[in-house]
C-alpha atoms as a PDB file:
ATOM      1  CA  MET A   1       0.000   0.000   0.000  1.00  0.00           C
ATOM      2  CA  LYS A   2       1.195   3.479  -0.779  1.00  0.00           C
ATOM      3  CA  LYS A   3       1.450   6.023   1.991  1.00  0.00           C
ATOM      4  CA  GLU A   4      -0.678   8.541   0.114  1.00  0.00           C
ATOM      5  CA  THR A   5      -3.835   6.435   0.161  1.00  0.00           C
ATOM      6  CA  ILE A   6      -3.443   4.452   3.372  1.00  0.00           C
ATOM      7  CA  PHE A   7      -5.116   7.216   5.421  1.00  0.00           C
ATOM      8  CA  LEU A   8      -8.023   7.372   2.975  1.00  0.00           C
ATOM      9  CA  LYS A   9      -8.426   3.605   2.982  1.00  0.00           C
ATOM     10  CA  LEU A  10      -8.441   3.561   6.778  1.00  0.00           C
ATOM     11  CA  SER A  11     -10.982   6.386   6.777  1.00  0.00           C
ATOM     12  CA  VAL A  12     -13.281   4.484   4.419  1.00  0.00           C
ATOM     13  CA  PHE A  13     -12.922   1.378   6.573  1.00  0.00           C
ATOM     14  CA  PHE A  14     -13.687   3.210   9.834  1.00  0.00           C
ATOM     15  CA  ILE A  15     -16.653   5.026   8.303  1.00  0.00           C
ATOM     16  CA  GLY A  16     -18.032   1.640   7.311  1.00  0.00           C
ATOM     17  CA  ILE A  17     -17.479   0.276  10.831  1.00  0.00           C
ATOM     18  CA  ILE A  18     -19.207   3.275  12.400  1.00  0.00           C
ATOM     19  CA  VAL A  19     -22.247   3.052  10.119  1.00  0.00           C
ATOM     20  CA  LEU A  20     -22.449  -0.703  10.663  1.00  0.00           C
ATOM     21  CA  ALA A  21     -22.349  -0.146  14.443  1.00  0.00           C
ATOM     22  CA  ILE A  22     -25.130   2.432  14.130  1.00  0.00           C
ATOM     23  CA  CYS A  23     -27.209  -0.032  12.112  1.00  0.00           C
ATOM     24  CA  LEU A  24     -26.620  -2.851  14.581  1.00  0.00           C
ATOM     25  CA  PHE A  25     -26.813  -1.016  17.914  1.00  0.00           C
ATOM     26  CA  VAL A  26     -28.286   2.500  17.710  1.00  0.00           C
ATOM     27  CA  LEU A  27     -31.185   1.957  15.307  1.00  0.00           C
ATOM     28  CA  PRO A  28     -32.560  -1.019  17.287  1.00  0.00           C
ATOM     29  CA  LEU A  29     -32.544   1.180  20.414  1.00  0.00           C
ATOM     30  CA  ILE A  30     -34.565   3.771  18.539  1.00  0.00           C
ATOM     31  CA  ALA A  31     -36.952   1.041  17.400  1.00  0.00           C
ATOM     32  CA  ARG A  32     -37.404  -0.164  20.982  1.00  0.00           C
ATOM     33  CA  ASP A  33     -38.143   3.379  22.146  1.00  0.00           C
ATOM     34  CA  ALA A  34     -40.624   3.746  19.274  1.00  0.00           C
ATOM     35  CA  ALA A  35     -42.393   0.582  20.375  1.00  0.00           C
ATOM     36  CA  GLU A  36     -42.833   2.060  23.846  1.00  0.00           C
ATOM     37  CA  SER A  37     -44.300   5.300  22.472  1.00  0.00           C
ATOM     38  CA  SER A  38     -47.731   5.693  20.956  1.00  0.00           C
ATOM     39  CA  LEU A  39     -48.821   3.194  18.318  1.00  0.00           C
ATOM     40  CA  LYS A  40     -49.241   5.837  15.609  1.00  0.00           C
ATOM     41  CA  MET A  41     -45.717   7.188  16.114  1.00  0.00           C
ATOM     42  CA  ALA A  42     -44.268   3.692  16.318  1.00  0.00           C
ATOM     43  CA  TYR A  43     -45.394   2.930  12.764  1.00  0.00           C
ATOM     44  CA  VAL A  44     -43.969   6.199  11.483  1.00  0.00           C
ATOM     45  CA  LEU A  45     -40.647   5.673  13.255  1.00  0.00           C
ATOM     46  CA  TYR A  46     -40.486   2.059  12.082  1.00  0.00           C
ATOM     47  CA  SER A  47     -40.951   3.308   8.525  1.00  0.00           C
ATOM     48  CA  ILE A  48     -38.136   5.827   8.927  1.00  0.00           C
ATOM     49  CA  LEU A  49     -35.897   3.120  10.392  1.00  0.00           C
ATOM     50  CA  LEU A  50     -36.733   0.848   7.475  1.00  0.00           C
ATOM     51  CA  VAL A  51     -35.669   3.585   5.055  1.00  0.00           C
ATOM     52  CA  MET A  52     -32.449   4.019   7.022  1.00  0.00           C
ATOM     53  CA  TYR A  53     -31.691   0.302   6.806  1.00  0.00           C
ATOM     54  CA  VAL A  54     -32.487   0.243   3.080  1.00  0.00           C
ATOM     55  CA  THR A  55     -30.237   3.232   2.424  1.00  0.00           C
ATOM     56  CA  ALA A  56     -27.402   1.460   4.218  1.00  0.00           C
ATOM     57  CA  ILE A  57     -27.154  -0.927   1.244  1.00  0.00           C
ATOM     58  CA  PRO A  58     -26.227   1.700  -1.389  1.00  0.00           C
ATOM     59  CA  PHE A  59     -24.079   3.426   1.230  1.00  0.00           C
ATOM     60  CA  PHE A  60     -21.925   0.332   1.682  1.00  0.00           C
ATOM     61  CA  ILE A  61     -21.810  -0.206  -2.092  1.00  0.00           C
ATOM     62  CA  ALA A  62     -20.531   3.366  -2.479  1.00  0.00           C
ATOM     63  CA  LEU A  63     -17.935   2.789   0.241  1.00  0.00           C
ATOM     64  CA  TYR A  64     -16.751  -0.331  -1.557  1.00  0.00           C
ATOM     65  CA  GLN A  65     -16.514   1.616  -4.816  1.00  0.00           C
ATOM     66  CA  ALA A  66     -14.503   4.330  -3.051  1.00  0.00           C
ATOM     67  CA  PHE A  67     -12.164   1.656  -1.695  1.00  0.00           C
ATOM     68  CA  LYS A  68     -11.784   0.206  -5.202  1.00  0.00           C
ATOM     69  CA  LEU A  69     -11.027   3.677  -6.528  1.00  0.00           C
ATOM     70  CA  LEU A  70      -8.247   4.034  -3.974  1.00  0.00           C
ATOM     71  CA  ILE A  71      -6.868   0.645  -5.036  1.00  0.00           C
ATOM     72  CA  TYR A  72      -6.869   1.830  -8.663  1.00  0.00           C
ATOM     73  CA  ILE A  73      -4.960   4.932  -7.597  1.00  0.00           C
ATOM     74  CA  ASP A  74      -2.395   2.737  -5.805  1.00  0.00           C
ATOM     75  CA  ALA A  75      -1.978   0.621  -8.936  1.00  0.00           C
ATOM     76  CA  ASN A  76      -1.434   3.753 -11.082  1.00  0.00           C
ATOM     77  CA  ASN A  77      -4.746   3.124 -12.859  1.00  0.00           C
ATOM     78  CA  ALA A  78      -6.358   6.361 -11.724  1.00  0.00           C
ATOM     79  CA  PHE A  79      -6.846   7.481 -15.321  1.00  0.00           C
ATOM     80  CA  SER A  80      -8.765   4.451 -16.533  1.00  0.00           C
ATOM     81  CA  GLU A  81     -12.300   3.442 -17.343  1.00  0.00           C
ATOM     82  CA  LEU A  82     -12.335   1.440 -14.102  1.00  0.00           C
ATOM     83  CA  SER A  83     -12.033   4.663 -12.131  1.00  0.00           C
ATOM     84  CA  VAL A  84     -14.745   6.314 -14.218  1.00  0.00           C
ATOM     85  CA  ASN A  85     -17.047   3.349 -13.559  1.00  0.00           C
ATOM     86  CA  ALA A  86     -16.339   3.485  -9.823  1.00  0.00           C
ATOM     87  CA  LEU A  87     -17.238   7.177  -9.752  1.00  0.00           C
ATOM     88  CA  LYS A  88     -20.372   6.462 -11.776  1.00  0.00           C
ATOM     89  CA  ASN A  89     -21.414   3.809  -9.261  1.00  0.00           C
ATOM     90  CA  ILE A  90     -20.763   6.181  -6.352  1.00  0.00           C
ATOM     91  CA  LYS A  91     -22.912   8.798  -8.089  1.00  0.00           C
ATOM     92  CA  LYS A  92     -25.744   6.293  -8.602  1.00  0.00           C
ATOM     93  CA  CYS A  93     -25.610   5.140  -4.985  1.00  0.00           C
ATOM     94  CA  ALA A  94     -25.674   8.695  -3.631  1.00  0.00           C
ATOM     95  CA  THR A  95     -28.582   9.579  -5.904  1.00  0.00           C
ATOM     96  CA  THR A  96     -30.462   6.473  -4.768  1.00  0.00           C
ATOM     97  CA  ILE A  97     -29.970   7.408  -1.126  1.00  0.00           C
ATOM     98  CA  SER A  98     -31.241  10.938  -1.768  1.00  0.00           C
ATOM     99  CA  LEU A  99     -34.286   9.689  -3.658  1.00  0.00           C
ATOM    100  CA  LEU A 100     -35.181   7.257  -0.886  1.00  0.00           C
ATOM    101  CA  TYR A 101     -35.040  10.060   1.657  1.00  0.00           C
ATOM    102  CA  VAL A 102     -37.079  12.355  -0.609  1.00  0.00           C
ATOM    103  CA  LEU A 103     -39.747   9.657  -0.706  1.00  0.00           C
ATOM    104  CA  SER A 104     -39.635   9.339   3.072  1.00  0.00           C
ATOM    105  CA  MET A 105     -39.830  13.083   3.712  1.00  0.00           C
ATOM    106  CA  PRO A 106     -43.571  12.927   4.575  1.00  0.00           C
ATOM    107  CA  LEU A 107     -42.632  10.632   7.468  1.00  0.00           C
ATOM    108  CA  PHE A 108     -40.231  13.237   8.829  1.00  0.00           C
ATOM    109  CA  TYR A 109     -43.015  15.808   8.452  1.00  0.00           C
ATOM    110  CA  ILE A 110     -45.379  13.629  10.508  1.00  0.00           C
ATOM    111  CA  VAL A 111     -42.772  13.264  13.250  1.00  0.00           C
ATOM    112  CA  GLY A 112     -42.208  17.023  13.224  1.00  0.00           C
ATOM    113  CA  GLU A 113     -45.942  17.726  13.466  1.00  0.00           C
ATOM    114  CA  VAL A 114     -46.739  15.203  16.188  1.00  0.00           C
ATOM    115  CA  ASP A 115     -43.745  16.046  18.377  1.00  0.00           C
ATOM    116  CA  ASP A 116     -43.954  19.754  17.500  1.00  0.00           C
ATOM    117  CA  ALA A 117     -40.292  19.566  16.498  1.00  0.00           C
ATOM    118  CA  PRO A 118     -39.401  21.316  13.242  1.00  0.00           C
ATOM    119  CA  GLY A 119     -35.861  19.984  13.713  1.00  0.00           C
ATOM    120  CA  ALA A 120     -37.077  16.572  12.532  1.00  0.00           C
ATOM    121  CA  ILE A 121     -37.831  18.074   9.130  1.00  0.00           C
ATOM    122  CA  LEU A 122     -34.366  19.657   9.008  1.00  0.00           C
ATOM    123  CA  ILE A 123     -32.805  16.289   9.762  1.00  0.00           C
ATOM    124  CA  GLY A 124     -34.735  14.832   6.835  1.00  0.00           C
ATOM    125  CA  ILE A 125     -33.493  17.634   4.596  1.00  0.00           C
ATOM    126  CA  ILE A 126     -29.889  16.960   5.670  1.00  0.00           C
ATOM    127  CA  PHE A 127     -30.395  13.285   4.785  1.00  0.00           C
ATOM    128  CA  ILE A 128     -31.478  14.421   1.318  1.00  0.00           C
ATOM    129  CA  PHE A 129     -28.850  17.032   0.542  1.00  0.00           C
ATOM    130  CA  ALA A 130     -25.714  15.370   1.949  1.00  0.00           C
ATOM    131  CA  PRO A 131     -25.840  12.475  -0.547  1.00  0.00           C
ATOM    132  CA  MET A 132     -26.781  14.891  -3.333  1.00  0.00           C
ATOM    133  CA  VAL A 133     -23.595  16.878  -2.683  1.00  0.00           C
ATOM    134  CA  ILE A 134     -21.644  13.639  -2.949  1.00  0.00           C
ATOM    135  CA  ALA A 135     -23.487  12.712  -6.161  1.00  0.00           C
ATOM    136  CA  VAL A 136     -22.718  16.090  -7.751  1.00  0.00           C
ATOM    137  CA  PHE A 137     -19.089  15.907  -6.653  1.00  0.00           C
ATOM    138  CA  ALA A 138     -18.764  12.379  -8.061  1.00  0.00           C
ATOM    139  CA  ALA A 139     -20.387  13.487 -11.328  1.00  0.00           C
ATOM    140  CA  VAL A 140     -17.941  16.388 -11.662  1.00  0.00           C
ATOM    141  CA  LEU A 141     -14.977  14.117 -10.922  1.00  0.00           C
ATOM    142  CA  GLN A 142     -16.308  11.523 -13.350  1.00  0.00           C
ATOM    143  CA  ARG A 143     -16.582  14.123 -16.107  1.00  0.00           C
ATOM    144  CA  LEU A 144     -13.111  15.542 -15.407  1.00  0.00           C
ATOM    145  CA  LEU A 145     -11.590  12.070 -15.317  1.00  0.00           C
ATOM    146  CA  LYS A 146     -13.302  11.123 -18.572  1.00  0.00           C
ATOM    147  CA  ASN A 147     -11.959  14.295 -20.227  1.00  0.00           C
ATOM    148  CA  ALA A 148      -8.470  13.592 -18.882  1.00  0.00           C
ATOM    149  CA  ILE A 149      -8.614  10.044 -20.241  1.00  0.00           C
ATOM    150  CA  ASP A 150      -9.712  11.356 -23.648  1.00  0.00           C
ATOM    151  CA  ILE A 151      -6.846  13.878 -23.694  1.00  0.00           C
ATOM    152  CA  LYS A 152      -4.399  11.165 -22.624  1.00  0.00           C
ATOM    153  CA  ASP A 153      -5.633   8.863 -25.417  1.00  0.00           C
ATOM    154  CA  ASP A 154      -5.289  11.676 -27.972  1.00  0.00           C
ATOM    155  CA  ASN A 155      -1.750  12.388 -26.788  1.00  0.00           C
ATOM    156  CA  ASP A 156      -0.871   8.682 -26.955  1.00  0.00           C
ATOM    157  CA  LEU A 157      -2.016   8.568 -30.577  1.00  0.00           C
ATOM    158  CA  THR A 158      -0.058  11.685 -31.526  1.00  0.00           C
ATOM    159  CA  ILE A 159       3.343  10.947 -32.978  1.00  0.00           C
END
């Protein structure tokens, strides 16, 4: 492993561990508290938790793609179609996460109305816009990388 990417690889690994721990330990605690609250709120909170568990799947796929991208950089294949495909997959995963949270936004609204907590709606908005920022960033990097690959191919063909 090269020194330049070892920190990034460790960061990706620890982010995955933290999110996995949240999925395994924190979200079940929230579900148990929801079961003890009113029946109407329990169904709403269970639905939000279900969305959170479903969005964990594309999140871990995107983390894996980021790890693969770092491996390509280590192997001096940063300017390759493999890297472009990894960025495209990251973009798709981030967009999927955002769309799932957009669809679940009415649930956050119900929680905000019942608990009289407008902060619940802001949390839902953060869950929407954070992955969208990542999707836009990945799309920009994908486009730049594709242009760099095209320029590199043109220069390779020039005598």
